[in-house]
Protein backbone atom coordinates (compact mmCIF):
# COMPACT_ATOMS: atom_id res chain seq x y z
CA UNK A 1 -23.60 24.28 -58.73
CA UNK A 2 -26.58 23.05 -56.69
CA UNK A 3 -28.52 21.50 -59.59
CA UNK A 4 -25.66 19.24 -60.75
CA UNK A 5 -25.17 18.20 -57.12
CA UNK A 6 -28.85 17.26 -56.78
CA UNK A 7 -28.72 15.26 -60.02
CA UNK A 8 -25.58 13.48 -58.81
CA UNK A 9 -27.24 12.56 -55.49
CA UNK A 10 -30.33 11.21 -57.28
CA UNK A 11 -28.14 9.12 -59.58
CA UNK A 12 -26.18 7.72 -56.63
CA UNK A 13 -29.38 6.76 -54.81
CA UNK A 14 -31.18 5.25 -57.78
CA UNK A 15 -28.28 3.27 -59.26
CA UNK A 16 -28.36 0.43 -56.64
CA UNK A 17 -32.15 0.15 -57.02
CA UNK A 18 -31.85 -0.11 -60.80
CA UNK A 19 -29.06 -2.67 -60.44
CA UNK A 20 -31.16 -4.84 -58.11
CA UNK A 21 -34.11 -4.70 -60.50
CA UNK A 22 -31.87 -5.71 -63.40
CA UNK A 23 -30.43 -8.60 -61.36
CA UNK A 24 -33.92 -9.86 -60.60
CA UNK A 25 -34.98 -9.47 -64.23
CA UNK A 26 -31.97 -11.53 -65.32
CA UNK A 27 -32.85 -14.16 -62.74
CA UNK A 28 -36.45 -14.50 -63.92
CA UNK A 29 -35.35 -14.55 -67.56
CA UNK A 30 -32.96 -17.42 -66.79
CA UNK A 31 -35.66 -19.27 -64.85
CA UNK A 32 -38.13 -19.02 -67.74
CA UNK A 33 -35.49 -20.36 -70.14
CA UNK A 34 -35.31 -23.54 -68.05
CA UNK A 35 -39.00 -24.35 -68.45
CA UNK A 36 -40.79 -22.47 -71.22
CA UNK A 37 -43.75 -24.88 -70.99
CA UNK A 38 -44.03 -24.60 -67.19
CA UNK A 39 -42.25 -27.90 -66.56
CA UNK A 40 -38.94 -27.40 -64.74
CA UNK A 41 -37.96 -31.09 -64.85
CA UNK A 42 -38.68 -31.71 -61.15
CA UNK A 43 -41.90 -31.28 -59.19
CA UNK A 44 -40.15 -29.38 -56.41
CA UNK A 45 -38.60 -26.89 -58.85
CA UNK A 46 -41.84 -26.54 -60.84
CA UNK A 47 -43.80 -25.80 -57.66
CA UNK A 48 -41.41 -23.21 -56.21
CA UNK A 49 -41.07 -21.57 -59.65
CA UNK A 50 -44.86 -21.16 -59.76
CA UNK A 51 -44.70 -19.39 -56.39
CA UNK A 52 -41.85 -17.14 -57.56
CA UNK A 53 -43.68 -16.09 -60.74
CA UNK A 54 -46.88 -15.36 -58.84
CA UNK A 55 -44.97 -13.29 -56.26
CA UNK A 56 -43.41 -11.12 -58.99
CA UNK A 57 -46.63 -10.56 -60.93
CA UNK A 58 -46.11 -13.25 -63.56
CA UNK A 59 -49.48 -14.86 -62.90
CA UNK A 60 -49.79 -16.58 -66.28
CA UNK A 61 -46.27 -17.98 -66.01
CA UNK A 62 -46.96 -19.34 -62.55
CA UNK A 63 -50.32 -20.80 -63.52
CA UNK A 64 -48.64 -22.57 -66.42
CA UNK A 65 -46.57 -24.50 -63.87
CA UNK A 66 -49.53 -25.11 -61.56
CA UNK A 67 -51.55 -26.49 -64.47
CA UNK A 68 -48.63 -28.71 -65.44
CA UNK A 69 -48.72 -30.26 -61.96
CA UNK A 70 -52.42 -30.99 -62.37
CA UNK A 71 -51.82 -32.47 -65.81
CA UNK A 72 -49.54 -35.06 -64.19
CA UNK A 73 -51.74 -35.83 -61.17
CA UNK A 74 -54.33 -34.07 -59.05
CA UNK A 75 -53.45 -35.81 -55.77
CA UNK A 76 -49.72 -36.18 -55.08
CA UNK A 77 -46.32 -36.07 -56.79
CA UNK A 78 -44.47 -37.88 -58.27
CA UNK A 79 -47.39 -39.97 -59.49
CA UNK A 80 -47.39 -43.58 -58.25
CA UNK A 81 -44.49 -42.89 -55.85
CA UNK A 82 -45.73 -39.84 -53.96
CA UNK A 83 -43.21 -37.98 -51.83
CA UNK A 84 -44.21 -35.75 -48.91
CA UNK A 85 -41.85 -32.87 -49.76
CA UNK A 86 -42.78 -32.83 -53.47
CA UNK A 87 -46.50 -33.00 -52.65
CA UNK A 88 -46.15 -30.29 -49.98
CA UNK A 89 -44.61 -27.84 -52.44
CA UNK A 90 -47.18 -28.85 -55.04
CA UNK A 91 -49.95 -28.09 -52.54
CA UNK A 92 -48.42 -24.63 -51.91
CA UNK A 93 -48.49 -23.93 -55.68
CA UNK A 94 -52.08 -25.11 -56.14
CA UNK A 95 -53.32 -23.12 -53.15
CA UNK A 96 -51.55 -20.01 -54.47
CA UNK A 97 -53.52 -20.26 -57.73
CA UNK A 98 -56.81 -21.26 -56.07
CA UNK A 99 -56.85 -24.75 -57.61
CA UNK A 100 -58.92 -27.59 -56.17
CA UNK A 101 -56.83 -29.33 -53.48
CA UNK A 102 -59.41 -31.65 -51.89
CA UNK A 103 -57.71 -34.84 -53.09
CA UNK A 104 -54.28 -33.63 -51.99
CA UNK A 105 -55.54 -32.77 -48.49
CA UNK A 106 -57.16 -36.21 -48.23
CA UNK A 107 -53.81 -37.77 -49.18
CA UNK A 108 -52.10 -35.85 -46.37
CA UNK A 109 -54.72 -36.96 -43.88
CA UNK A 110 -54.23 -40.61 -44.83
CA UNK A 111 -50.43 -40.39 -44.90
CA UNK A 112 -49.86 -39.37 -41.26
CA UNK A 113 -47.84 -41.48 -38.86
CA UNK A 114 -48.46 -41.89 -35.13
CA UNK A 115 -45.87 -39.73 -33.39
CA UNK A 116 -44.01 -40.62 -30.25
CA UNK A 117 -44.31 -37.08 -28.94
CA UNK A 118 -42.85 -36.55 -25.51
CA UNK A 119 -45.40 -33.87 -24.68
CA UNK A 120 -48.87 -34.10 -23.18
CA UNK A 121 -52.31 -33.16 -24.49
CA UNK A 122 -54.76 -31.45 -22.19
CA UNK A 123 -58.38 -30.33 -22.29
CA UNK A 124 -58.96 -27.10 -20.41
CA UNK A 125 -62.44 -25.94 -19.37
CA UNK A 126 -62.56 -22.38 -18.12
CA UNK A 127 -65.58 -21.92 -15.88
CA UNK A 128 -66.59 -20.93 -12.34
CA UNK A 129 -69.56 -23.30 -12.29
CA UNK A 130 -70.10 -26.92 -11.35
CA UNK A 131 -71.37 -29.58 -13.76
CA UNK A 132 -70.05 -32.05 -16.31
CA UNK A 133 -68.82 -32.29 -19.88
CA UNK A 134 -69.63 -34.99 -22.38
CA UNK A 135 -66.64 -36.03 -24.46
CA UNK A 136 -67.31 -38.11 -27.59
CA UNK A 137 -64.66 -39.80 -29.77
CA UNK A 138 -64.47 -42.92 -31.95
CA UNK A 139 -68.15 -43.73 -31.19
CA UNK A 140 -67.40 -43.55 -27.43
CA UNK A 141 -69.05 -41.04 -25.08
CA UNK A 142 -67.95 -40.25 -21.51
CA UNK A 143 -69.18 -37.86 -18.81
CA UNK A 144 -66.42 -35.92 -17.06
CA UNK A 145 -67.30 -33.99 -13.87
CA UNK A 146 -66.05 -30.39 -13.66
CA UNK A 147 -65.94 -28.13 -10.61
CA UNK A 148 -64.85 -24.52 -11.21
CA UNK A 149 -62.50 -25.59 -14.00
CA UNK A 150 -60.99 -28.56 -12.11
CA UNK A 151 -61.42 -32.27 -12.94
CA UNK A 152 -62.01 -34.44 -9.82
CA UNK A 153 -61.53 -37.63 -11.86
CA UNK A 154 -58.08 -36.47 -13.09
CA UNK A 155 -56.16 -35.66 -9.89
CA UNK A 156 -58.37 -32.59 -9.43
CA UNK A 157 -56.17 -30.78 -11.97
CA UNK A 158 -57.28 -27.88 -14.13
CA UNK A 159 -55.76 -29.75 -17.11
CA UNK A 160 -57.48 -32.96 -18.21
CA UNK A 161 -54.84 -35.37 -19.60
CA UNK A 162 -56.47 -36.93 -22.67
CA UNK A 163 -53.87 -39.69 -22.99
CA UNK A 164 -54.32 -41.06 -19.47
CA UNK A 165 -57.42 -39.68 -17.73
CA UNK A 166 -59.79 -40.39 -20.60
CA UNK A 167 -58.33 -43.68 -21.79
CA UNK A 168 -54.77 -44.97 -21.22
CA UNK A 169 -52.65 -44.70 -24.35
CA UNK A 170 -55.52 -43.24 -26.39
CA UNK A 171 -53.41 -40.72 -28.32
CA UNK A 172 -50.60 -43.20 -28.87
CA UNK A 173 -53.02 -45.37 -30.83
CA UNK A 174 -54.60 -42.50 -32.79
CA UNK A 175 -52.22 -40.03 -34.50
CA UNK A 176 -55.14 -37.75 -35.33
CA UNK A 177 -58.35 -37.75 -33.38
CA UNK A 178 -61.17 -35.27 -32.90
CA UNK A 179 -63.05 -34.80 -29.63
CA UNK A 180 -66.64 -33.58 -29.53
CA UNK A 181 -66.83 -31.72 -26.23
CA UNK A 182 -70.22 -30.65 -24.83
CA UNK A 183 -70.14 -28.61 -21.61
CA UNK A 184 -73.62 -27.10 -21.91
CA UNK A 185 -74.46 -27.99 -18.29
CA UNK A 186 -71.79 -25.55 -17.08
CA UNK A 187 -73.75 -22.61 -18.44
CA UNK A 188 -72.97 -19.64 -20.63
CA UNK A 189 -69.51 -18.09 -20.50
CA UNK A 190 -67.70 -21.41 -20.44
CA UNK A 191 -64.61 -21.61 -22.67
CA UNK A 192 -62.89 -24.70 -24.04
CA UNK A 193 -59.27 -25.11 -25.08
CA UNK A 194 -56.90 -27.80 -26.34
CA UNK A 195 -53.37 -27.36 -24.96
CA UNK A 196 -50.12 -29.15 -25.81
CA UNK A 197 -47.22 -29.13 -23.35
CA UNK A 198 -43.61 -30.02 -24.13
CA UNK A 199 -40.97 -29.32 -21.52
CA UNK A 200 -41.76 -25.93 -19.99
CA UNK A 201 -43.62 -24.69 -23.06
CA UNK A 202 -47.38 -24.71 -23.53
CA UNK A 203 -49.05 -24.35 -26.95
CA UNK A 204 -52.69 -23.43 -27.47
CA UNK A 205 -53.72 -25.75 -30.31
CA UNK A 206 -57.39 -24.79 -30.53
CA UNK A 207 -59.85 -22.71 -28.56
CA UNK A 208 -63.63 -22.19 -28.45
CA UNK A 209 -65.67 -19.52 -26.67
CA UNK A 210 -68.82 -21.67 -26.74
CA UNK A 211 -69.87 -24.50 -24.44
CA UNK A 212 -69.78 -27.03 -27.27
CA UNK A 213 -67.02 -27.54 -29.85
CA UNK A 214 -65.00 -30.01 -31.91
CA UNK A 215 -61.39 -30.00 -30.68
CA UNK A 216 -58.85 -31.85 -32.86
CA UNK A 217 -55.68 -33.45 -31.56
CA UNK A 218 -52.77 -34.13 -33.88
CA UNK A 219 -50.23 -36.50 -32.46
CA UNK A 220 -48.74 -37.18 -35.90
CA UNK A 221 -45.74 -36.65 -38.16
CA UNK A 222 -44.66 -37.37 -41.74
CA UNK A 223 -41.90 -39.37 -43.34
CA UNK A 224 -40.36 -39.12 -46.79
CA UNK A 225 -43.36 -40.94 -48.25
CA UNK A 226 -46.81 -42.00 -47.09
CA UNK A 227 -46.76 -43.74 -43.69
CA UNK A 228 -42.96 -44.00 -43.60
CA UNK A 229 -40.79 -43.33 -40.57
CA UNK A 230 -41.13 -39.82 -39.13
CA UNK A 231 -38.62 -37.30 -40.44
CA UNK A 232 -38.20 -33.62 -39.61
CA UNK A 233 -37.52 -32.29 -43.13
CA UNK A 234 -40.67 -33.59 -44.90
CA UNK A 235 -42.75 -32.82 -41.80
CA UNK A 236 -41.59 -29.19 -41.92
CA UNK A 237 -42.60 -28.75 -45.57
CA UNK A 238 -45.89 -30.58 -44.98
CA UNK A 239 -46.82 -28.43 -42.01
CA UNK A 240 -45.99 -25.25 -43.95
CA UNK A 241 -48.21 -26.31 -46.87
CA UNK A 242 -51.06 -27.49 -44.65
CA UNK A 243 -51.04 -24.21 -42.76
CA UNK A 244 -51.24 -22.22 -46.04
CA UNK A 245 -54.15 -24.45 -47.11
CA UNK A 246 -55.99 -23.64 -43.85
CA UNK A 247 -56.13 -27.34 -43.02
CA UNK A 248 -56.95 -28.69 -39.57
CA UNK A 249 -54.13 -31.21 -40.03
CA UNK A 250 -50.95 -30.21 -38.24
CA UNK A 251 -47.75 -31.89 -37.08
CA UNK A 252 -46.48 -28.84 -35.25
CA UNK A 253 -46.49 -30.49 -31.78
CA UNK A 254 -44.19 -33.27 -32.99
CA UNK A 255 -41.96 -30.74 -34.74
CA UNK A 256 -41.64 -28.63 -31.59
CA UNK A 257 -40.09 -31.64 -29.88
CA UNK A 258 -37.90 -32.76 -32.76
CA UNK A 259 -36.68 -29.90 -34.95
CA UNK A 260 -33.11 -28.71 -34.45
CA UNK A 261 -33.22 -25.25 -32.90
CA UNK A 262 -29.69 -24.45 -34.07
CA UNK A 263 -30.53 -25.19 -37.71
CA UNK A 264 -31.43 -22.00 -39.63
CA UNK A 265 -33.35 -23.74 -42.42
CA UNK A 266 -35.49 -25.76 -40.01
CA UNK A 267 -36.10 -22.70 -37.83
CA UNK A 268 -37.16 -20.66 -40.88
CA UNK A 269 -39.65 -23.36 -41.93
CA UNK A 270 -40.95 -23.55 -38.36
CA UNK A 271 -41.69 -19.83 -38.46
CA UNK A 272 -43.33 -20.08 -41.90
CA UNK A 273 -45.73 -22.75 -40.61
CA UNK A 274 -46.37 -21.32 -37.14
CA UNK A 275 -45.77 -17.57 -37.18
CA UNK A 276 -44.31 -17.95 -33.70
CA UNK A 277 -42.35 -14.98 -32.35
CA UNK A 278 -40.05 -17.43 -30.54
CA UNK A 279 -39.01 -19.05 -33.81
CA UNK A 280 -38.45 -15.64 -35.41
CA UNK A 281 -36.24 -14.53 -32.52
CA UNK A 282 -34.14 -17.69 -32.83
CA UNK A 283 -33.82 -17.16 -36.58
CA UNK A 284 -32.64 -13.56 -36.26
CA UNK A 285 -29.97 -14.61 -33.78
CA UNK A 286 -28.54 -16.97 -36.41
CA UNK A 287 -28.00 -14.27 -39.06
CA UNK A 288 -24.34 -13.53 -39.73
CA UNK A 289 -22.92 -10.02 -39.93
CA UNK A 290 -22.81 -10.23 -43.74
CA UNK A 291 -26.55 -11.04 -43.82
CA UNK A 292 -26.27 -14.74 -44.65
CA UNK A 293 -27.42 -17.84 -42.76
CA UNK A 294 -24.82 -20.61 -42.53
CA UNK A 295 -23.19 -18.99 -45.62
CA UNK A 296 -25.53 -21.19 -47.67
CA UNK A 297 -27.65 -19.83 -50.54
CA UNK A 298 -30.69 -22.12 -50.15
CA UNK A 299 -30.75 -21.79 -46.34
CA UNK A 300 -30.46 -18.01 -46.63
CA UNK A 301 -33.27 -17.99 -49.23
CA UNK A 302 -35.79 -19.64 -46.91
CA UNK A 303 -34.61 -17.55 -43.97
CA UNK A 304 -35.07 -14.43 -46.13
CA UNK A 305 -38.60 -15.54 -47.00
CA UNK A 306 -39.39 -15.88 -43.29
CA UNK A 307 -37.92 -12.42 -42.60
CA UNK A 308 -40.00 -10.93 -45.42
CA UNK A 309 -43.22 -12.47 -44.13
CA UNK A 310 -42.45 -11.27 -40.61
CA UNK A 311 -41.81 -7.69 -41.75
CA UNK A 312 -38.23 -7.68 -40.44
CA UNK A 313 -37.06 -5.06 -42.93
CA UNK A 314 -33.49 -4.51 -41.76
CA UNK A 315 -32.65 -8.21 -41.56
CA UNK A 316 -34.43 -8.88 -44.87
CA UNK A 317 -32.47 -6.18 -46.70
CA UNK A 318 -29.20 -7.52 -45.34
CA UNK A 319 -29.98 -11.11 -46.38
CA UNK A 320 -31.19 -9.96 -49.81
CA UNK A 321 -27.99 -7.98 -50.42
CA UNK A 322 -25.88 -11.05 -49.57
CA UNK A 323 -27.91 -13.31 -51.88
CA UNK A 324 -27.50 -10.90 -54.79
CA UNK A 325 -23.73 -11.22 -54.43
CA UNK A 326 -24.13 -14.94 -55.15
CA UNK A 327 -25.92 -14.47 -58.47
CA UNK A 328 -24.07 -16.01 -61.38
CA UNK A 329 -23.22 -14.40 -64.72
CA UNK A 330 -26.15 -16.16 -66.43
CA UNK A 331 -28.64 -14.79 -63.87
CA UNK A 332 -29.09 -18.00 -61.87
CA UNK A 333 -28.25 -18.74 -58.25
CA UNK A 334 -27.33 -22.36 -58.86
CA UNK A 335 -29.83 -25.03 -59.89
CA UNK A 336 -33.45 -24.34 -60.84
CA UNK A 337 -34.91 -25.07 -57.39
CA UNK A 338 -32.40 -22.83 -55.60
CA UNK A 339 -32.83 -20.02 -58.14
CA UNK A 340 -36.63 -20.15 -57.87
CA UNK A 341 -36.43 -20.18 -54.06
CA UNK A 342 -34.10 -17.15 -54.01
CA UNK A 343 -36.27 -15.16 -56.43
CA UNK A 344 -39.39 -16.05 -54.44
CA UNK A 345 -37.71 -14.88 -51.25
CA UNK A 346 -35.98 -11.65 -52.31
CA UNK A 347 -38.61 -10.18 -54.66
CA UNK A 348 -39.89 -7.01 -53.03
CA UNK A 349 -41.99 -5.07 -55.52
CA UNK A 350 -39.45 -4.44 -58.29
CA UNK A 351 -40.93 -4.04 -61.82
CA UNK A 352 -40.34 -7.34 -63.67
CA UNK A 353 -41.26 -7.89 -67.32
CA UNK A 354 -42.48 -11.34 -68.36
CA UNK A 355 -42.50 -12.21 -72.04
CA UNK A 356 -45.68 -13.61 -73.50
CA UNK A 357 -46.26 -17.35 -73.31
CA UNK A 358 -45.74 -19.06 -76.65
CA UNK A 359 -48.78 -20.99 -77.84
CA UNK A 360 -46.36 -23.51 -79.30
CA UNK A 361 -46.14 -25.15 -75.87
CA UNK A 362 -49.90 -25.18 -75.32
CA UNK A 363 -51.36 -28.43 -74.11
CA UNK A 364 -54.42 -29.99 -75.72
CA UNK A 365 -57.69 -29.65 -73.83
CA UNK A 366 -57.29 -31.84 -70.77
CA UNK A 367 -60.98 -31.83 -69.72
CA UNK A 368 -60.09 -31.11 -66.11
CA UNK A 369 -62.96 -28.69 -65.54
CA UNK A 370 -60.61 -25.70 -65.44
CA UNK A 371 -60.29 -23.28 -68.34
CA UNK A 372 -56.50 -23.00 -68.56
CA UNK A 373 -56.19 -19.84 -70.66
CA UNK A 374 -52.42 -19.85 -70.16
CA UNK A 375 -52.36 -23.19 -72.03
CA UNK A 376 -54.43 -21.67 -74.84
CA UNK A 377 -57.70 -23.41 -73.95
CA UNK A 378 -60.83 -21.58 -75.08
CA UNK A 379 -64.51 -22.20 -75.71
CA UNK A 380 -63.79 -23.44 -79.25
CA UNK A 381 -60.93 -25.92 -78.70
CA UNK A 382 -62.03 -26.93 -75.20
CA UNK A 383 -65.78 -26.36 -74.64
CA UNK A 384 -65.82 -28.83 -71.74
CA UNK A 385 -63.54 -26.58 -69.69
CA UNK A 386 -64.16 -23.14 -71.19
CA UNK A 387 -67.58 -21.54 -71.44
CA UNK A 388 -69.27 -18.25 -70.65
CA UNK A 389 -69.68 -18.16 -66.90
CA UNK A 390 -66.48 -20.05 -65.98
CA UNK A 391 -64.91 -16.84 -64.54
CA UNK A 392 -62.15 -16.95 -67.17
CA UNK A 393 -62.08 -14.59 -70.12
CA UNK A 394 -60.59 -16.77 -72.86
CA UNK A 395 -59.38 -15.71 -76.31
CA UNK A 396 -62.78 -16.28 -77.95
CA UNK A 397 -64.75 -14.14 -75.45
CA UNK A 398 -65.15 -10.40 -75.02
CA UNK A 399 -67.08 -8.00 -72.85
CA UNK A 400 -69.87 -7.93 -75.44
CA UNK A 401 -70.16 -11.71 -76.02
CA UNK A 402 -69.57 -12.73 -72.38
CA UNK A 403 -69.83 -9.85 -69.88
CA UNK A 404 -69.90 -12.38 -67.02
CA UNK A 405 -66.27 -13.34 -67.66
CA UNK A 406 -64.79 -10.35 -69.47
CA UNK A 407 -64.77 -6.85 -68.05
CA UNK A 408 -65.57 -4.08 -70.55
CA UNK A 409 -62.57 -2.27 -71.95
CA UNK A 410 -62.63 1.34 -70.85
CA UNK A 411 -61.71 3.80 -73.55
CA UNK A 412 -59.46 6.53 -72.35
CA UNK A 413 -59.61 9.96 -74.00
CA UNK A 414 -56.43 11.17 -75.64
CA UNK A 415 -56.30 14.03 -73.14
CA UNK A 416 -57.84 14.07 -69.70
CA UNK A 417 -57.24 15.55 -66.28
CA UNK A 418 -54.78 13.32 -64.51
CA UNK A 419 -52.65 12.29 -67.50
CA UNK A 420 -49.75 14.47 -66.28
CA UNK A 421 -49.97 16.54 -69.49
CA UNK A 422 -51.33 20.07 -69.43
CA UNK A 423 -53.58 20.52 -72.50
CA UNK A 424 -53.36 24.29 -72.91
CA UNK A 425 -56.46 24.28 -75.14
CA UNK A 426 -58.80 22.76 -72.57
CA UNK A 427 -56.95 22.76 -69.21
CA UNK A 428 -55.47 25.30 -66.87
CA UNK A 429 -54.61 25.50 -63.17
CA UNK A 430 -58.24 26.17 -62.18
CA UNK A 431 -59.74 23.30 -64.21
CA UNK A 432 -56.98 20.73 -63.61
CA UNK A 433 -54.35 21.65 -61.02
CA UNK A 434 -53.01 18.05 -61.16
CA UNK A 435 -51.79 18.55 -64.73
CA UNK A 436 -51.37 22.32 -64.83
CA UNK A 437 -49.55 23.54 -61.72
CA UNK A 438 -49.81 27.12 -60.59
CA UNK A 439 -47.63 29.61 -62.38
CA UNK A 440 -44.08 29.12 -61.26
CA UNK A 441 -44.72 25.60 -59.93
CA UNK A 442 -43.29 22.35 -61.10
CA UNK A 443 -39.89 21.18 -62.17
CA UNK A 444 -39.91 22.87 -65.56
CA UNK A 445 -40.95 26.16 -64.05
CA UNK A 446 -38.10 25.79 -61.61
CA UNK A 447 -35.68 25.31 -64.51
CA UNK A 448 -37.16 28.35 -66.29
CA UNK A 449 -36.76 30.50 -63.18
CA UNK A 450 -33.23 29.20 -62.74
CA UNK A 451 -32.41 30.08 -66.38
CA UNK A 452 -33.79 33.59 -65.96
CA UNK A 453 -31.83 34.11 -62.75
CA UNK A 454 -28.65 32.99 -64.49
CA UNK A 455 -29.47 35.30 -67.42
CA UNK A 456 -30.05 38.24 -65.08
CA UNK A 457 -26.89 37.45 -63.18
CA UNK A 458 -24.94 37.39 -66.42
CA UNK A 459 -26.41 40.69 -67.46
CA UNK A 460 -25.46 42.26 -64.13
CA UNK A 461 -21.95 40.91 -64.45
CA UNK A 462 -21.55 42.32 -67.97
CA UNK A 463 -22.93 45.67 -66.86
CA UNK A 464 -20.52 46.10 -63.97
CA UNK A 465 -17.61 44.66 -65.92
CA UNK A 466 -17.85 46.61 -69.12
CA UNK A 467 -20.11 49.63 -68.56
CA UNK A 468 -20.11 50.94 -65.03
CA UNK A 469 -16.36 50.85 -64.64
CA UNK A 470 -15.60 52.35 -68.09
CA UNK A 471 -13.27 55.39 -67.60
CA UNK A 472 -14.79 58.76 -68.48
CA UNK A 473 -13.02 61.70 -70.09
CA UNK A 474 -10.88 63.58 -67.54
CA UNK A 475 -12.27 66.97 -66.45
CA UNK A 476 -10.13 69.95 -65.66
CA UNK A 477 -9.95 70.37 -61.92
CA UNK A 478 -9.76 73.91 -60.50
CA UNK A 479 -6.45 75.03 -59.11
CA UNK A 480 -4.39 72.88 -61.45
CA UNK A 481 -1.98 74.28 -64.03
CA UNK A 482 -2.40 72.49 -67.32
CA UNK A 483 -0.04 73.02 -70.15
CA UNK A 484 -1.98 73.45 -73.38
CA UNK A 485 -0.65 72.64 -76.76
CA UNK A 486 -0.28 76.36 -77.39
CA UNK A 487 1.93 76.63 -74.35
CA UNK A 488 -0.28 79.41 -72.84
CA UNK A 489 -0.82 79.04 -69.13
CA UNK A 490 -4.52 79.70 -68.29
CA UNK A 491 -5.57 81.95 -65.48
CA UNK A 492 -7.67 80.27 -62.81
CA UNK A 493 -11.14 81.68 -62.40
CA UNK A 494 -13.37 80.51 -59.56
CA UNK A 495 -16.55 78.88 -60.80
CA UNK A 496 -19.82 80.70 -60.55
CA UNK A 497 -22.20 78.61 -58.50
CA UNK A 498 -25.70 78.45 -59.87
CA UNK A 499 -28.66 76.38 -58.68
CA UNK A 500 -28.66 72.92 -60.32
CA UNK A 501 -31.68 71.76 -62.18
CA UNK A 502 -33.01 68.15 -61.76
CA UNK A 503 -32.22 66.51 -65.04
CA UNK A 504 -33.89 63.12 -65.83
CA UNK A 505 -31.14 61.04 -67.39
CA UNK A 506 -32.10 58.50 -70.03
CA UNK A 507 -31.48 54.85 -69.08
CA UNK A 508 -29.21 52.79 -71.18
CA UNK A 509 -30.46 49.85 -73.23
CA UNK A 510 -28.64 47.40 -70.91
CA UNK A 511 -30.39 48.79 -67.82
CA UNK A 512 -33.78 48.53 -69.49
CA UNK A 513 -33.14 44.88 -70.42
CA UNK A 514 -32.01 44.17 -66.85
CA UNK A 515 -35.17 45.63 -65.33
CA UNK A 516 -37.32 43.69 -67.79
CA UNK A 517 -35.64 40.39 -66.85
CA UNK A 518 -36.03 41.08 -63.13
CA UNK A 519 -39.74 41.83 -63.60
CA UNK A 520 -40.25 38.51 -65.45
CA UNK A 521 -38.47 36.65 -62.65
CA UNK A 522 -40.69 38.31 -60.01
CA UNK A 523 -43.81 37.18 -61.89
CA UNK A 524 -42.67 33.57 -62.09
CA UNK A 525 -41.65 33.42 -58.44
CA UNK A 526 -45.11 34.51 -57.19
């Protein structure tokens, strides 16, 4: 009875896992069907799909979409009418596949707007000594006296207000500015920091443990397009992408003052671009009992992504379970962008199978300096991009013709220690305990022992049922009068007692078989 119960428990536990994997597989299959060539009809959807494929192990599929973005433009998207949100998601995709993003980062730098942040920017110099610091910016250099970390020329405060004490309205005129701070005269051990204050909150923007450093200030934001009016939504996506690209550009200070703290989507994006524990705490408080956020699929998807990146397992599992209930019959979760976002967020290591990319959708050599093997480029049809030494093993190269790009293929013997198969001709428990467990070990041995026990038990049952309890012929007991067929009544004679001899009785065939089975069981159980 125990074995069927164990099998039933295993089936109960594994069925939900299998169902989740199948749901994800259906989702990715549907997503691929919407853009076989990597183009998902919108730059936002194409970018988030690339991230989803990469997350689930479909590197070639994701790179197909990243290369499509580059085939359209290598700076911003859509081409000629660049949008901040589209370009932000495009930057995330390119960074994920290690593409060149220099032009895109330059576009972001030039597309900032001066922000009317309500907070203040401070320079902090941590020292116990007396001296001065040279601050250089925009070809201007000023000496600022410092006494034990205080600034006599700025109300003797330990925080030097860069927007008033250095030059009135300086940061209002310059959305992004970098200060070259030299406090060498204060001696070793001096530390420099750039601090942003809004309300009662202080944010450490940058810090240096040396006496000389470049400290950037970002008093900027982004609009829907380059240099347009500041808007929270595009600024959130831009800040997320810039953080993933390890850029010095940030609009986080402006966002801290302007994002809606009761909005789950905005809070999730704030966490993704800052990693702040405060934002994560706010986000968790917004999660409903059923696991959703605002009962909205897209909002819950981005919140789930934030929970996954933060390692909040319980909240992530709850949100994932809710999202899976919103999957449609065709495998999607709505439109392409929403489906890609959900798959990107909820994927958590499940085995997904991606069908091979059809060469029928391969682009012609685009001479972009990148060997796009997923597009079918190789050293024959695209020698400008593909060559030995480009770190891409294309279809015309091998480990023998180009060892720099192609790793040698290791031949695996048909039988070897570690293949989970015990080769009785060459392996045993001493030579390969991984494949050949000790006698009596392993699942199959367990089944064999169980079979023998059942066999022995059956034999015992048959023995007691049909042999031991079989009635013997009745003996004549002394003192009893028995009427014989002849009708003669016998005379009772007391028995003559004689010493009994030890007689070795011969065992029955059933008993011999029983002992043999028990002996085999004892050997296996050692």
